[in-house]
Protein backbone atom coordinates (compact mmCIF):
# COMPACT_ATOMS: atom_id res chain seq x y z
CA MET A 1 103.43 -5.47 173.39
CA GLN A 2 102.16 -3.14 170.68
CA GLN A 3 98.95 -5.17 170.42
CA ASN A 4 98.35 -4.94 174.22
CA LYS A 5 98.41 -1.15 173.98
CA ARG A 6 95.87 -1.25 171.15
CA VAL A 7 93.58 -3.51 173.19
CA GLN A 8 93.90 -1.18 176.19
CA ARG A 9 93.07 1.84 174.00
CA LYS A 10 90.03 0.08 172.57
CA LYS A 11 88.84 -0.90 176.06
CA GLY A 12 89.49 2.61 177.32
CA GLY A 13 87.67 4.08 174.35
CA LEU A 14 84.71 1.77 174.80
CA LEU A 15 84.51 2.43 178.54
CA THR A 16 84.81 6.13 177.94
CA ARG A 17 81.95 6.03 175.43
CA ILE A 18 79.80 3.97 177.82
CA LEU A 19 80.48 6.40 180.66
CA ASP A 20 79.76 9.34 178.36
CA VAL A 21 76.41 7.84 177.33
CA CYS A 22 75.54 7.13 180.99
CA ASP A 23 76.55 10.69 181.88
CA ASN A 24 74.24 12.05 179.18
CA ILE A 25 71.38 9.85 180.37
CA VAL A 26 71.76 11.07 183.96
CA TYR A 27 71.91 14.70 182.84
CA LEU A 28 68.86 14.15 180.65
CA LEU A 29 66.91 12.64 183.54
CA VAL A 30 67.96 15.47 185.85
CA GLY A 31 66.88 17.97 183.19
CA VAL A 32 63.45 16.33 182.87
CA CYS A 33 63.07 16.40 186.67
CA PHE A 34 64.01 20.11 186.75
CA LEU A 35 61.46 20.82 184.02
CA LEU A 36 58.75 18.97 185.93
CA ALA A 37 59.72 20.76 189.15
CA ALA A 38 59.50 24.14 187.38
CA LEU A 39 56.08 23.34 185.93
CA ILE A 40 54.78 22.10 189.27
CA SER A 41 56.23 25.14 191.05
CA LEU A 42 54.58 27.49 188.58
CA LEU A 43 51.25 25.71 188.75
CA PHE A 44 51.37 25.60 192.55
CA GLY A 45 52.18 29.32 192.74
CA VAL A 46 49.38 30.31 190.37
CA ILE A 47 46.82 28.13 192.18
CA LYS A 48 47.93 29.35 195.61
CA PHE A 49 47.72 32.99 194.44
CA GLY A 50 44.28 32.40 192.94
CA PHE A 51 43.11 30.79 196.16
CA SER A 52 44.44 33.74 198.19
CA VAL A 53 42.63 36.22 195.95
CA TYR A 54 39.46 34.14 196.23
CA GLN A 55 39.73 34.12 200.04
CA LEU A 56 40.23 37.89 200.10
CA ALA A 57 37.17 38.33 197.88
CA GLN A 58 35.14 36.09 200.18
CA MET A 59 36.13 38.23 203.16
CA GLY A 60 34.60 41.18 201.34
CA VAL A 61 37.80 43.11 200.91
CA SER A 62 36.95 45.59 198.22
CA SER A 63 38.91 48.57 199.50
CA VAL A 64 42.52 48.95 200.46
CA GLN A 65 41.53 50.90 203.56
CA ASN A 66 40.89 47.67 205.46
CA ALA A 67 44.24 46.96 207.17
CA ALA A 68 43.74 43.19 207.37
CA GLY A 69 42.72 43.00 203.73
CA ALA A 70 45.62 45.14 202.57
CA SER A 71 48.17 43.06 204.45
CA GLY A 72 46.55 39.87 203.14
CA ALA A 73 46.72 41.15 199.57
CA ALA A 74 50.34 42.25 200.00
CA GLU A 75 51.24 38.88 201.50
CA ALA A 76 49.56 37.07 198.61
CA ILE A 77 51.46 39.14 196.05
CA ILE A 78 54.81 38.70 197.81
CA THR A 79 54.27 34.96 198.09
CA PHE A 80 53.33 34.77 194.41
CA VAL A 81 56.46 36.68 193.37
CA SER A 82 58.53 34.39 195.60
CA ASP A 83 57.03 31.33 193.92
CA LEU A 84 57.75 32.81 190.48
CA LEU A 85 61.36 33.52 191.45
CA LEU A 86 61.77 29.91 192.59
CA THR A 87 60.49 28.79 189.19
CA LEU A 88 62.99 31.07 187.44
CA ILE A 89 65.86 29.70 189.54
CA ILE A 90 64.88 26.15 188.62
CA MET A 91 64.74 27.14 184.94
CA GLU A 92 68.22 28.73 185.15
CA VAL A 93 69.63 25.48 186.53
CA LEU A 94 67.80 23.60 183.76
CA GLY A 95 69.45 25.94 181.24
CA THR A 96 72.83 24.96 182.65
CA VAL A 97 71.98 21.28 182.25
CA VAL A 98 70.81 21.83 178.66
CA ASN A 99 73.99 23.78 177.89
CA TYR A 100 76.10 20.91 179.26
CA LEU A 101 74.22 18.39 177.12
CA GLU A 102 74.80 20.52 174.01
CA THR A 103 78.46 21.41 174.58
CA HIS A 104 79.71 18.76 177.04
CA ALA A 105 81.40 21.57 178.95
CA THR A 106 80.35 23.38 182.07
CA SER A 107 80.00 27.12 181.81
CA LEU A 108 79.90 29.73 184.49
CA LYS A 109 77.65 32.53 183.35
CA PRO A 110 76.53 35.31 185.69
CA PHE A 111 72.80 35.81 186.05
């Protein structure tokens, strides 16, 4: 009877270690995906902003007095800031994943 309990503990310990390793692998893969998503989001935002500025320059918008040019420039800036904020949100979630991998505990931290 005593030996059965030892065998069960060893099996439970081994299964727990296997599940822990699998858990770490999944979190690591999710972290890599978040990092790639943040890089792609940042690159996409910068390219889209550059393209918007290029289009405004092609339209000959050199003064803010042109209403269409001013609204186009404002829209480009707002869209760029929105893209940057999305990148920051992704990085915050990545920080949570990294923190879990380091401590093996979830933490609720306010932004």
